[in-house]
Amino acid sequence: MLLILDNGITKDDKLSYTKHIITAMKKYKIDYIVVNKIQNIDEFKNKIKGIIITGSSLKLSKLSKKGNFEKYSFNIYYLSRFNVPLYGMCFGCQLLNIIYGGELKDNKKYICKDIDFYKYDTKCKLLKNIDTINFRYCFSDIVIPNNKIDINIFSYIVINNKKIGCGFEYEKNKVYGTLFHPEYYDDTQIIFKNFYELCTKYKRC
């Protein structure tokens, strides 16, 4: 079972894409539970094999400067309770990057379009069996990883002639973040299947 942390600020948040994630879960017959606040899920505790952190219309760089953490604090609560693989998309990726000591650079304008990878690691397990290098992006905070720890940037895109990291492996075979949304298109949803396979092979301490 995967635990999905839904960061949508409204029921139909246009950037959380939670409905698309659920569609992928059903397609690959993956059990899941969705939460958007702190609640008692002890009955599922031993069943949860991994955590997905969704996107959001929340702009993390602005929220963190204001010290306004309450809207996404439930993420920290669940991440601290489970020793399982993690996968964050867009907002989820940005949040993981902060947790791992990185920074966010405000791009000022939202980038919302389909973009091909400029470069990517064909050996990255999250990208196994993908048939396309074109993914949906919708973000404004650019991820700048902590260069003092070993973080694998497994994919890049080019925007305005600048190379930008868009796929990050914060802990090998355990913690991933992407600025792209694999849930958006049917032919990129296989990444969720790949992530779930990683989760089933992960051995908890």
N, C-alpha and C. Protein backbone atom coordinates (compact mmCIF):
# COMPACT_ATOMS: atom_id res chain seq x y z
N MET A 1 0.84 -1.20 0.00
CA MET A 1 0.00 0.00 0.00
C MET A 1 0.87 1.25 0.00
N LEU A 2 0.46 2.25 -0.80
CA LEU A 2 1.15 3.52 -0.81
C LEU A 2 0.32 4.58 -0.09
N LEU A 3 1.00 5.41 0.67
CA LEU A 3 0.35 6.53 1.35
C LEU A 3 0.55 7.77 0.49
N ILE A 4 -0.55 8.38 0.06
CA ILE A 4 -0.49 9.56 -0.79
C ILE A 4 -0.79 10.79 0.06
N LEU A 5 0.18 11.70 0.15
CA LEU A 5 0.00 12.94 0.89
C LEU A 5 -0.47 14.01 -0.09
N ASP A 6 -1.76 14.35 -0.01
CA ASP A 6 -2.39 15.25 -0.96
C ASP A 6 -2.22 16.70 -0.49
N ASN A 7 -1.44 17.48 -1.23
CA ASN A 7 -1.16 18.86 -0.86
C ASN A 7 -2.05 19.87 -1.57
N GLY A 8 -3.12 19.40 -2.18
CA GLY A 8 -4.05 20.32 -2.82
C GLY A 8 -4.66 21.27 -1.80
N ILE A 9 -4.69 22.56 -2.11
CA ILE A 9 -5.25 23.52 -1.15
C ILE A 9 -6.75 23.67 -1.34
N THR A 10 -7.28 23.14 -2.44
CA THR A 10 -8.72 23.07 -2.65
C THR A 10 -9.03 21.66 -3.14
N LYS A 11 -10.30 21.31 -3.18
CA LYS A 11 -10.70 19.96 -3.60
C LYS A 11 -10.21 19.64 -5.00
N ASP A 12 -10.23 20.62 -5.88
CA ASP A 12 -9.80 20.40 -7.26
C ASP A 12 -8.60 21.27 -7.59
N ASP A 13 -7.61 21.26 -6.72
CA ASP A 13 -6.39 22.02 -6.94
C ASP A 13 -5.78 21.62 -8.28
N LYS A 14 -5.63 22.58 -9.18
CA LYS A 14 -5.20 22.26 -10.53
C LYS A 14 -3.76 21.78 -10.61
N LEU A 15 -2.99 21.95 -9.54
CA LEU A 15 -1.59 21.53 -9.58
C LEU A 15 -1.28 20.33 -8.69
N SER A 16 -2.26 19.81 -7.96
CA SER A 16 -1.97 18.63 -7.14
C SER A 16 -2.10 17.34 -7.97
N TYR A 17 -2.99 17.35 -8.96
CA TYR A 17 -3.18 16.21 -9.86
C TYR A 17 -3.44 14.90 -9.11
N THR A 18 -4.02 14.99 -7.93
CA THR A 18 -4.24 13.78 -7.12
C THR A 18 -5.15 12.78 -7.83
N LYS A 19 -6.13 13.29 -8.55
CA LYS A 19 -7.04 12.39 -9.27
C LYS A 19 -6.28 11.55 -10.30
N HIS A 20 -5.29 12.16 -10.93
CA HIS A 20 -4.49 11.43 -11.92
C HIS A 20 -3.64 10.35 -11.24
N ILE A 21 -3.14 10.66 -10.06
CA ILE A 21 -2.35 9.68 -9.31
C ILE A 21 -3.21 8.48 -8.94
N ILE A 22 -4.43 8.76 -8.50
CA ILE A 22 -5.35 7.68 -8.14
C ILE A 22 -5.67 6.82 -9.36
N THR A 23 -5.81 7.47 -10.51
CA THR A 23 -6.04 6.72 -11.76
C THR A 23 -4.89 5.75 -12.02
N ALA A 24 -3.65 6.23 -11.79
CA ALA A 24 -2.48 5.37 -11.99
C ALA A 24 -2.46 4.22 -10.98
N MET A 25 -2.84 4.50 -9.74
CA MET A 25 -2.88 3.44 -8.72
C MET A 25 -3.84 2.33 -9.13
N LYS A 26 -4.99 2.74 -9.63
CA LYS A 26 -5.99 1.76 -10.04
C LYS A 26 -5.53 0.98 -11.28
N LYS A 27 -4.88 1.69 -12.19
CA LYS A 27 -4.41 1.03 -13.43
C LYS A 27 -3.41 -0.07 -13.12
N TYR A 28 -2.52 0.20 -12.16
CA TYR A 28 -1.48 -0.77 -11.82
C TYR A 28 -1.85 -1.63 -10.60
N LYS A 29 -3.10 -1.51 -10.18
CA LYS A 29 -3.65 -2.33 -9.09
C LYS A 29 -2.79 -2.21 -7.82
N ILE A 30 -2.48 -0.97 -7.47
CA ILE A 30 -1.70 -0.66 -6.27
C ILE A 30 -2.65 -0.14 -5.19
N ASP A 31 -2.66 -0.78 -4.05
CA ASP A 31 -3.47 -0.29 -2.94
C ASP A 31 -2.92 1.05 -2.46
N TYR A 32 -3.81 1.93 -2.02
CA TYR A 32 -3.38 3.26 -1.60
C TYR A 32 -4.35 3.84 -0.57
N ILE A 33 -3.87 4.85 0.13
CA ILE A 33 -4.71 5.65 1.01
C ILE A 33 -4.28 7.10 0.84
N VAL A 34 -5.24 8.02 0.78
CA VAL A 34 -4.96 9.44 0.59
C VAL A 34 -5.27 10.20 1.87
N VAL A 35 -4.33 11.05 2.30
CA VAL A 35 -4.57 11.91 3.46
C VAL A 35 -4.17 13.34 3.11
N ASN A 36 -4.85 14.31 3.72
CA ASN A 36 -4.50 15.72 3.49
C ASN A 36 -4.42 16.49 4.80
N LYS A 37 -4.32 15.73 5.91
CA LYS A 37 -4.17 16.33 7.23
C LYS A 37 -3.68 15.26 8.19
N ILE A 38 -3.34 15.66 9.38
CA ILE A 38 -2.93 14.68 10.39
C ILE A 38 -4.15 13.93 10.90
N GLN A 39 -4.12 12.63 10.78
CA GLN A 39 -5.22 11.79 11.25
C GLN A 39 -4.67 10.44 11.66
N ASN A 40 -5.50 9.66 12.31
CA ASN A 40 -5.07 8.35 12.80
C ASN A 40 -5.16 7.32 11.68
N ILE A 41 -4.02 6.83 11.25
CA ILE A 41 -4.00 5.78 10.22
C ILE A 41 -3.24 4.55 10.73
N ASP A 42 -3.26 4.36 12.04
CA ASP A 42 -2.52 3.24 12.65
C ASP A 42 -2.93 1.88 12.09
N GLU A 43 -4.18 1.77 11.65
CA GLU A 43 -4.64 0.48 11.12
C GLU A 43 -3.91 0.10 9.83
N PHE A 44 -3.31 1.10 9.16
CA PHE A 44 -2.59 0.85 7.91
C PHE A 44 -1.08 0.85 8.10
N LYS A 45 -0.63 1.13 9.32
CA LYS A 45 0.79 1.39 9.57
C LYS A 45 1.71 0.30 9.03
N ASN A 46 1.39 -0.94 9.25
CA ASN A 46 2.25 -2.05 8.82
C ASN A 46 2.08 -2.40 7.35
N LYS A 47 1.07 -1.79 6.70
CA LYS A 47 0.81 -2.09 5.29
C LYS A 47 1.48 -1.08 4.35
N ILE A 48 1.83 0.08 4.88
CA ILE A 48 2.36 1.15 4.04
C ILE A 48 3.80 0.84 3.63
N LYS A 49 4.03 0.75 2.33
CA LYS A 49 5.34 0.40 1.79
C LYS A 49 6.08 1.61 1.22
N GLY A 50 5.37 2.71 0.98
CA GLY A 50 6.00 3.90 0.41
C GLY A 50 5.07 5.09 0.52
N ILE A 51 5.64 6.28 0.32
CA ILE A 51 4.87 7.52 0.43
C ILE A 51 5.06 8.35 -0.83
N ILE A 52 3.95 8.87 -1.35
CA ILE A 52 3.96 9.79 -2.48
C ILE A 52 3.53 11.16 -1.97
N ILE A 53 4.29 12.20 -2.33
CA ILE A 53 3.97 13.57 -1.94
C ILE A 53 3.55 14.32 -3.20
N THR A 54 2.31 14.77 -3.25
CA THR A 54 1.77 15.37 -4.47
C THR A 54 2.25 16.80 -4.68
N GLY A 55 1.90 17.32 -5.84
CA GLY A 55 2.11 18.72 -6.13
C GLY A 55 1.09 19.58 -5.42
N SER A 56 1.16 20.89 -5.66
CA SER A 56 0.26 21.82 -4.98
C SER A 56 0.33 23.19 -5.61
N SER A 57 -0.74 23.97 -5.45
CA SER A 57 -0.70 25.38 -5.85
C SER A 57 0.04 26.24 -4.83
N LEU A 58 0.35 25.65 -3.67
CA LEU A 58 1.16 26.37 -2.69
C LEU A 58 2.54 26.66 -3.27
N LYS A 59 3.01 27.86 -3.05
CA LYS A 59 4.36 28.22 -3.51
C LYS A 59 5.29 28.14 -2.32
N LEU A 60 6.09 27.09 -2.28
CA LEU A 60 6.86 26.76 -1.09
C LEU A 60 7.89 27.83 -0.74
N SER A 61 8.51 28.45 -1.73
CA SER A 61 9.53 29.46 -1.42
C SER A 61 8.93 30.65 -0.68
N LYS A 62 7.71 31.03 -1.04
CA LYS A 62 7.06 32.15 -0.35
C LYS A 62 6.57 31.74 1.02
N LEU A 63 6.03 30.54 1.14
CA LEU A 63 5.52 30.08 2.44
C LEU A 63 6.64 29.95 3.45
N SER A 64 7.79 29.41 3.02
CA SER A 64 8.88 29.20 3.95
C SER A 64 9.46 30.53 4.43
N LYS A 65 9.46 31.56 3.58
CA LYS A 65 9.96 32.85 3.99
C LYS A 65 9.05 33.49 5.04
N LYS A 66 7.76 33.25 4.90
CA LYS A 66 6.80 33.81 5.85
C LYS A 66 6.72 33.00 7.13
N GLY A 67 7.30 31.82 7.12
CA GLY A 67 7.19 30.95 8.29
C GLY A 67 5.83 30.31 8.40
N ASN A 68 5.09 30.28 7.29
CA ASN A 68 3.73 29.75 7.28
C ASN A 68 3.78 28.26 6.93
N PHE A 69 4.09 27.43 7.93
CA PHE A 69 4.30 26.01 7.69
C PHE A 69 3.05 25.14 7.90
N GLU A 70 2.02 25.70 8.51
CA GLU A 70 0.91 24.85 8.93
C GLU A 70 0.19 24.18 7.77
N LYS A 71 0.20 24.78 6.57
CA LYS A 71 -0.53 24.21 5.46
C LYS A 71 0.09 22.91 4.93
N TYR A 72 1.36 22.71 5.20
CA TYR A 72 1.99 21.47 4.73
C TYR A 72 2.70 20.72 5.84
N SER A 73 2.46 21.08 7.10
CA SER A 73 3.13 20.41 8.21
C SER A 73 2.73 18.94 8.34
N PHE A 74 1.54 18.58 7.84
CA PHE A 74 1.12 17.18 7.94
C PHE A 74 2.08 16.27 7.17
N ASN A 75 2.73 16.81 6.13
CA ASN A 75 3.73 16.03 5.39
C ASN A 75 4.86 15.59 6.31
N ILE A 76 5.37 16.53 7.09
CA ILE A 76 6.48 16.25 8.00
C ILE A 76 6.07 15.20 9.02
N TYR A 77 4.84 15.29 9.48
CA TYR A 77 4.32 14.34 10.46
C TYR A 77 4.42 12.91 9.93
N TYR A 78 3.94 12.68 8.71
CA TYR A 78 3.94 11.33 8.16
C TYR A 78 5.34 10.88 7.73
N LEU A 79 6.14 11.81 7.21
CA LEU A 79 7.49 11.44 6.81
C LEU A 79 8.33 11.01 8.01
N SER A 80 8.04 11.58 9.17
CA SER A 80 8.81 11.23 10.38
C SER A 80 8.34 9.92 11.01
N ARG A 81 7.17 9.45 10.61
CA ARG A 81 6.61 8.25 11.24
C ARG A 81 6.94 6.96 10.51
N PHE A 82 7.27 7.06 9.22
CA PHE A 82 7.45 5.85 8.42
C PHE A 82 8.84 5.80 7.80
N ASN A 83 9.49 4.67 7.97
CA ASN A 83 10.79 4.44 7.34
C ASN A 83 10.56 3.65 6.06
N VAL A 84 10.11 4.37 5.02
CA VAL A 84 9.78 3.74 3.75
C VAL A 84 10.28 4.64 2.62
N PRO A 85 10.36 4.13 1.40
CA PRO A 85 10.76 4.98 0.27
C PRO A 85 9.78 6.13 0.05
N LEU A 86 10.31 7.24 -0.50
CA LEU A 86 9.53 8.45 -0.71
C LEU A 86 9.64 8.89 -2.17
N TYR A 87 8.56 9.44 -2.67
CA TYR A 87 8.59 10.04 -4.00
C TYR A 87 7.75 11.31 -3.99
N GLY A 88 8.41 12.46 -4.21
CA GLY A 88 7.72 13.74 -4.24
C GLY A 88 7.73 14.34 -5.63
N MET A 89 6.59 14.85 -6.05
CA MET A 89 6.48 15.49 -7.36
C MET A 89 6.24 16.99 -7.22
N CYS A 90 6.99 17.77 -7.96
CA CYS A 90 6.83 19.23 -8.00
C CYS A 90 6.91 19.82 -6.60
N PHE A 91 5.81 20.23 -5.99
CA PHE A 91 5.83 20.72 -4.61
C PHE A 91 6.47 19.68 -3.68
N GLY A 92 6.13 18.40 -3.89
CA GLY A 92 6.70 17.34 -3.06
C GLY A 92 8.20 17.24 -3.22
N CYS A 93 8.68 17.42 -4.44
CA CYS A 93 10.12 17.42 -4.71
C CYS A 93 10.79 18.61 -4.03
N GLN A 94 10.16 19.78 -4.13
CA GLN A 94 10.71 20.99 -3.52
C GLN A 94 10.79 20.84 -2.00
N LEU A 95 9.76 20.22 -1.41
CA LEU A 95 9.75 20.00 0.03
C LEU A 95 10.88 19.05 0.45
N LEU A 96 11.05 17.96 -0.30
CA LEU A 96 12.13 17.02 0.00
C LEU A 96 13.49 17.70 -0.12
N ASN A 97 13.63 18.56 -1.11
CA ASN A 97 14.89 19.25 -1.31
C ASN A 97 15.24 20.12 -0.10
N ILE A 98 14.26 20.79 0.47
CA ILE A 98 14.49 21.59 1.68
C ILE A 98 14.87 20.70 2.85
N ILE A 99 14.17 19.57 2.98
CA ILE A 99 14.46 18.63 4.06
C ILE A 99 15.90 18.13 3.98
N TYR A 100 16.39 17.95 2.74
CA TYR A 100 17.76 17.47 2.54
C TYR A 100 18.77 18.61 2.43
N GLY A 101 18.40 19.78 2.92
CA GLY A 101 19.35 20.88 3.04
C GLY A 101 19.57 21.70 1.80
N GLY A 102 18.71 21.54 0.80
CA GLY A 102 18.84 22.30 -0.43
C GLY A 102 18.12 23.64 -0.36
N GLU A 103 18.09 24.32 -1.51
CA GLU A 103 17.45 25.63 -1.60
C GLU A 103 16.48 25.66 -2.77
N LEU A 104 15.61 26.67 -2.77
CA LEU A 104 14.70 26.90 -3.88
C LEU A 104 14.97 28.27 -4.46
N LYS A 105 14.97 28.35 -5.79
CA LYS A 105 15.15 29.63 -6.47
C LYS A 105 13.84 29.98 -7.17
N ASP A 106 13.28 31.12 -6.81
CA ASP A 106 12.02 31.55 -7.40
C ASP A 106 12.25 31.97 -8.85
N ASN A 107 11.61 31.25 -9.77
CA ASN A 107 11.75 31.55 -11.19
C ASN A 107 10.85 32.72 -11.63
N LYS A 108 10.05 33.24 -10.68
CA LYS A 108 9.12 34.35 -10.91
C LYS A 108 7.90 33.94 -11.73
N LYS A 109 8.13 33.29 -12.87
CA LYS A 109 7.02 32.87 -13.72
C LYS A 109 6.83 31.36 -13.65
N TYR A 110 5.56 30.93 -13.68
CA TYR A 110 5.28 29.50 -13.72
C TYR A 110 5.64 28.93 -15.09
N ILE A 111 6.24 27.78 -15.07
CA ILE A 111 6.52 27.04 -16.29
C ILE A 111 5.51 25.91 -16.36
N CYS A 112 4.56 26.01 -17.25
CA CYS A 112 3.51 24.99 -17.38
C CYS A 112 3.44 24.53 -18.82
N LYS A 113 4.16 23.45 -19.12
CA LYS A 113 4.15 22.91 -20.47
C LYS A 113 4.84 21.55 -20.50
N ASP A 114 4.76 20.90 -21.64
CA ASP A 114 5.45 19.63 -21.84
C ASP A 114 6.87 19.91 -22.33
N ILE A 115 7.84 19.20 -21.75
CA ILE A 115 9.24 19.42 -22.10
C ILE A 115 9.94 18.07 -22.20
N ASP A 116 10.78 17.93 -23.21
CA ASP A 116 11.62 16.73 -23.34
C ASP A 116 12.81 16.81 -22.39
N PHE A 117 13.26 15.67 -21.89
CA PHE A 117 14.52 15.64 -21.16
C PHE A 117 15.65 16.13 -22.08
N TYR A 118 16.52 16.93 -21.56
CA TYR A 118 17.75 17.30 -22.27
C TYR A 118 18.78 16.17 -22.08
N LYS A 119 18.78 15.61 -20.88
CA LYS A 119 19.71 14.54 -20.53
C LYS A 119 19.09 13.74 -19.39
N TYR A 120 19.29 12.42 -19.40
CA TYR A 120 18.78 11.62 -18.28
C TYR A 120 19.56 10.33 -18.14
N ASP A 121 19.50 9.77 -16.93
CA ASP A 121 20.23 8.55 -16.59
C ASP A 121 19.35 7.35 -16.93
N THR A 122 19.72 6.63 -17.94
CA THR A 122 18.91 5.48 -18.38
C THR A 122 18.92 4.34 -17.36
N LYS A 123 19.87 4.39 -16.40
CA LYS A 123 19.95 3.34 -15.39
C LYS A 123 19.14 3.65 -14.14
N CYS A 124 18.55 4.84 -14.08
CA CYS A 124 17.73 5.19 -12.90
C CYS A 124 16.51 4.29 -12.84
N LYS A 125 16.32 3.63 -11.71
CA LYS A 125 15.23 2.65 -11.58
C LYS A 125 13.85 3.28 -11.66
N LEU A 126 13.75 4.55 -11.30
CA LEU A 126 12.46 5.22 -11.38
C LEU A 126 12.01 5.40 -12.83
N LEU A 127 12.98 5.48 -13.74
CA LEU A 127 12.68 5.70 -15.16
C LEU A 127 12.65 4.41 -15.98
N LYS A 128 12.66 3.29 -15.32
CA LYS A 128 12.70 2.00 -16.01
C LYS A 128 11.51 1.84 -16.97
N ASN A 129 11.80 1.38 -18.19
CA ASN A 129 10.78 1.06 -19.19
C ASN A 129 9.96 2.26 -19.68
N ILE A 130 10.45 3.48 -19.51
CA ILE A 130 9.71 4.61 -20.07
C ILE A 130 9.88 4.62 -21.59
N ASP A 131 8.80 4.97 -22.28
CA ASP A 131 8.82 5.00 -23.75
C ASP A 131 8.89 6.43 -24.29
N THR A 132 8.97 7.41 -23.39
CA THR A 132 8.99 8.80 -23.81
C THR A 132 9.91 9.59 -22.88
N ILE A 133 10.46 10.68 -23.39
CA ILE A 133 11.24 11.58 -22.54
C ILE A 133 10.52 12.92 -22.41
N ASN A 134 9.25 12.94 -22.82
CA ASN A 134 8.43 14.15 -22.76
C ASN A 134 7.49 14.07 -21.57
N PHE A 135 7.62 15.03 -20.64
CA PHE A 135 6.81 15.03 -19.42
C PHE A 135 6.14 16.39 -19.23
N ARG A 136 5.09 16.40 -18.42
CA ARG A 136 4.39 17.64 -18.06
C ARG A 136 5.07 18.30 -16.88
N TYR A 137 5.30 19.60 -17.00
CA TYR A 137 5.89 20.41 -15.93
C TYR A 137 4.95 21.56 -15.60
N CYS A 138 4.88 21.92 -14.33
CA CYS A 138 4.15 23.11 -13.91
C CYS A 138 4.73 23.55 -12.57
N PHE A 139 5.73 24.44 -12.63
CA PHE A 139 6.43 24.85 -11.41
C PHE A 139 7.02 26.25 -11.59
N SER A 140 7.39 26.87 -10.48
CA SER A 140 8.12 28.14 -10.54
C SER A 140 9.34 28.13 -9.63
N ASP A 141 9.32 27.28 -8.61
CA ASP A 141 10.49 27.17 -7.71
C ASP A 141 11.47 26.14 -8.27
N ILE A 142 12.66 26.60 -8.65
CA ILE A 142 13.70 25.72 -9.16
C ILE A 142 14.46 25.09 -8.00
N VAL A 143 14.72 23.80 -8.10
CA VAL A 143 15.38 23.05 -7.03
C VAL A 143 16.90 23.16 -7.16
N ILE A 144 17.54 23.59 -6.07
CA ILE A 144 19.00 23.63 -6.01
C ILE A 144 19.44 22.70 -4.88
N PRO A 145 19.91 21.50 -5.20
CA PRO A 145 20.25 20.52 -4.16
C PRO A 145 21.44 20.95 -3.30
N ASN A 146 21.51 20.36 -2.14
CA ASN A 146 22.62 20.54 -1.22
C ASN A 146 23.87 19.88 -1.81
N ASN A 147 24.88 20.66 -2.15
CA ASN A 147 26.07 20.09 -2.79
C ASN A 147 27.05 19.47 -1.80
N LYS A 148 26.67 19.46 -0.52
CA LYS A 148 27.54 18.87 0.49
C LYS A 148 27.20 17.40 0.77
N ILE A 149 26.12 16.94 0.17
CA ILE A 149 25.76 15.53 0.32
C ILE A 149 25.60 14.91 -1.06
N ASP A 150 25.63 13.59 -1.13
CA ASP A 150 25.62 12.87 -2.40
C ASP A 150 24.20 12.74 -2.92
N ILE A 151 23.82 13.62 -3.82
CA ILE A 151 22.50 13.58 -4.45
C ILE A 151 22.68 13.36 -5.95
N ASN A 152 22.01 12.36 -6.48
CA ASN A 152 22.09 12.06 -7.90
C ASN A 152 21.02 12.82 -8.67
N ILE A 153 21.44 13.70 -9.57
CA ILE A 153 20.49 14.37 -10.45
C ILE A 153 20.36 13.50 -11.70
N PHE A 154 19.23 12.81 -11.83
CA PHE A 154 19.12 11.81 -12.89
C PHE A 154 18.44 12.31 -14.16
N SER A 155 17.96 13.56 -14.17
CA SER A 155 17.40 14.10 -15.41
C SER A 155 17.47 15.62 -15.40
N TYR A 156 17.59 16.18 -16.61
CA TYR A 156 17.70 17.62 -16.80
C TYR A 156 16.78 18.06 -17.94
N ILE A 157 16.35 19.32 -17.86
CA ILE A 157 15.67 19.96 -18.97
C ILE A 157 16.40 21.27 -19.27
N VAL A 158 16.09 21.87 -20.41
CA VAL A 158 16.67 23.17 -20.75
C VAL A 158 15.53 24.17 -20.93
N ILE A 159 15.61 25.28 -20.19
CA ILE A 159 14.63 26.35 -20.28
C ILE A 159 15.37 27.68 -20.45
N ASN A 160 15.02 28.41 -21.50
CA ASN A 160 15.70 29.68 -21.80
C ASN A 160 17.22 29.52 -21.83
N ASN A 161 17.64 28.43 -22.48
CA ASN A 161 19.07 28.12 -22.66
C ASN A 161 19.79 27.80 -21.35
N LYS A 162 19.04 27.50 -20.30
CA LYS A 162 19.65 27.13 -19.02
C LYS A 162 19.30 25.69 -18.67
N LYS A 163 20.30 24.92 -18.30
CA LYS A 163 20.08 23.52 -17.90
C LYS A 163 19.59 23.47 -16.46
N ILE A 164 18.48 22.80 -16.24
CA ILE A 164 17.86 22.73 -14.91
C ILE A 164 17.65 21.27 -14.52
N GLY A 165 18.08 20.91 -13.33
CA GLY A 165 17.82 19.56 -12.82
C GLY A 165 16.33 19.39 -12.58
N CYS A 166 15.78 18.24 -13.00
CA CYS A 166 14.34 18.01 -12.81
C CYS A 166 14.04 16.65 -12.18
N GLY A 167 15.08 15.83 -11.94
CA GLY A 167 14.89 14.53 -11.29
C GLY A 167 16.01 14.30 -10.30
N PHE A 168 15.66 13.98 -9.05
CA PHE A 168 16.65 13.91 -7.99
C PHE A 168 16.49 12.62 -7.17
N GLU A 169 17.61 11.98 -6.91
CA GLU A 169 17.62 10.79 -6.05
C GLU A 169 18.40 11.17 -4.79
N TYR A 170 17.65 11.45 -3.72
CA TYR A 170 18.27 11.96 -2.49
C TYR A 170 18.90 10.84 -1.67
N GLU A 171 18.33 9.66 -1.73
CA GLU A 171 18.93 8.47 -1.13
C GLU A 171 18.74 7.34 -2.12
N LYS A 172 19.79 6.63 -2.41
CA LYS A 172 19.76 5.60 -3.46
C LYS A 172 18.65 4.58 -3.23
N ASN A 173 17.83 4.42 -4.25
CA ASN A 173 16.72 3.45 -4.24
C ASN A 173 15.73 3.68 -3.11
N LYS A 174 15.67 4.92 -2.58
CA LYS A 174 14.74 5.17 -1.48
C LYS A 174 14.00 6.50 -1.59
N VAL A 175 14.69 7.60 -1.86
CA VAL A 175 14.04 8.91 -1.85
C VAL A 175 14.25 9.61 -3.19
N TYR A 176 13.11 9.91 -3.85
CA TYR A 176 13.14 10.53 -5.17
C TYR A 176 12.28 11.79 -5.20
N GLY A 177 12.69 12.73 -6.04
CA GLY A 177 11.89 13.92 -6.28
C GLY A 177 11.96 14.30 -7.75
N THR A 178 10.82 14.70 -8.32
CA THR A 178 10.81 15.16 -9.71
C THR A 178 10.01 16.45 -9.82
N LEU A 179 10.50 17.36 -10.65
CA LEU A 179 9.72 18.56 -10.95
C LEU A 179 8.65 18.26 -11.98
N PHE A 180 8.77 17.12 -12.66
CA PHE A 180 7.74 16.75 -13.65
C PHE A 180 6.64 15.93 -13.00
N HIS A 181 5.51 15.87 -13.69
CA HIS A 181 4.31 15.17 -13.21
C HIS A 181 4.06 13.93 -14.06
N PRO A 182 4.55 12.76 -13.66
CA PRO A 182 4.31 11.55 -14.45
C PRO A 182 2.85 11.12 -14.46
N GLU A 183 2.09 11.61 -13.48
CA GLU A 183 0.68 11.23 -13.39
C GLU A 183 -0.18 11.85 -14.49
N TYR A 184 0.34 12.89 -15.13
CA TYR A 184 -0.46 13.70 -16.04
C TYR A 184 -0.85 12.95 -17.31
N TYR A 185 0.07 12.14 -17.83
CA TYR A 185 -0.19 11.41 -19.07
C TYR A 185 -0.15 9.91 -18.83
N ASP A 186 -0.95 9.19 -19.60
CA ASP A 186 -1.05 7.74 -19.46
C ASP A 186 0.30 7.06 -19.71
N ASP A 187 1.07 7.56 -20.68
CA ASP A 187 2.31 6.87 -21.04
C ASP A 187 3.48 7.21 -20.12
N THR A 188 3.28 8.10 -19.16
CA THR A 188 4.34 8.39 -18.19
C THR A 188 4.01 7.88 -16.78
N GLN A 189 2.80 7.34 -16.63
CA GLN A 189 2.37 6.85 -15.31
C GLN A 189 3.12 5.60 -14.87
N ILE A 190 3.85 4.97 -15.78
CA ILE A 190 4.61 3.77 -15.42
C ILE A 190 5.62 4.06 -14.30
N ILE A 191 5.98 5.31 -14.12
CA ILE A 191 6.90 5.67 -13.04
C ILE A 191 6.33 5.27 -11.68
N PHE A 192 5.02 5.32 -11.53
CA PHE A 192 4.42 4.89 -10.26
C PHE A 192 4.58 3.39 -10.05
N LYS A 193 4.47 2.63 -11.13
CA LYS A 193 4.69 1.19 -11.04
C LYS A 193 6.14 0.92 -10.65
N ASN A 194 7.07 1.66 -11.25
CA ASN A 194 8.48 1.51 -10.92
C ASN A 194 8.75 1.85 -9.45
N PHE A 195 8.12 2.93 -8.99
CA PHE A 195 8.32 3.33 -7.59
C PHE A 195 7.76 2.26 -6.65
N TYR A 196 6.60 1.73 -6.97
CA TYR A 196 6.01 0.71 -6.10
C TYR A 196 6.89 -0.54 -6.05
N GLU A 197 7.49 -0.92 -7.17
CA GLU A 197 8.38 -2.07 -7.19
C GLU A 197 9.60 -1.83 -6.30
N LEU A 198 10.11 -0.60 -6.31
CA LEU A 198 11.20 -0.25 -5.41
C LEU A 198 10.77 -0.39 -3.95
N CYS A 199 9.55 0.06 -3.68
CA CYS A 199 9.02 -0.01 -2.30
C CYS A 199 8.91 -1.44 -1.80
N THR A 200 8.46 -2.36 -2.67
CA THR A 200 8.27 -3.74 -2.25
C THR A 200 9.59 -4.46 -2.00
N LYS A 201 10.68 -3.93 -2.58
CA LYS A 201 12.00 -4.53 -2.42
C LYS A 201 12.80 -3.90 -1.27
N TYR A 202 12.31 -2.76 -0.79
CA TYR A 202 13.05 -2.06 0.25
C TYR A 202 12.93 -2.79 1.59
N LYS A 203 14.06 -2.94 2.26
CA LYS A 203 14.07 -3.63 3.56
C LYS A 203 14.16 -2.58 4.67
N ARG A 204 13.13 -2.56 5.50
CA ARG A 204 13.12 -1.61 6.61
C ARG A 204 14.12 -2.03 7.67
N CYS A 205 14.69 -1.02 8.31
CA CYS A 205 15.65 -1.31 9.39
C CYS A 205 14.91 -1.75 10.64
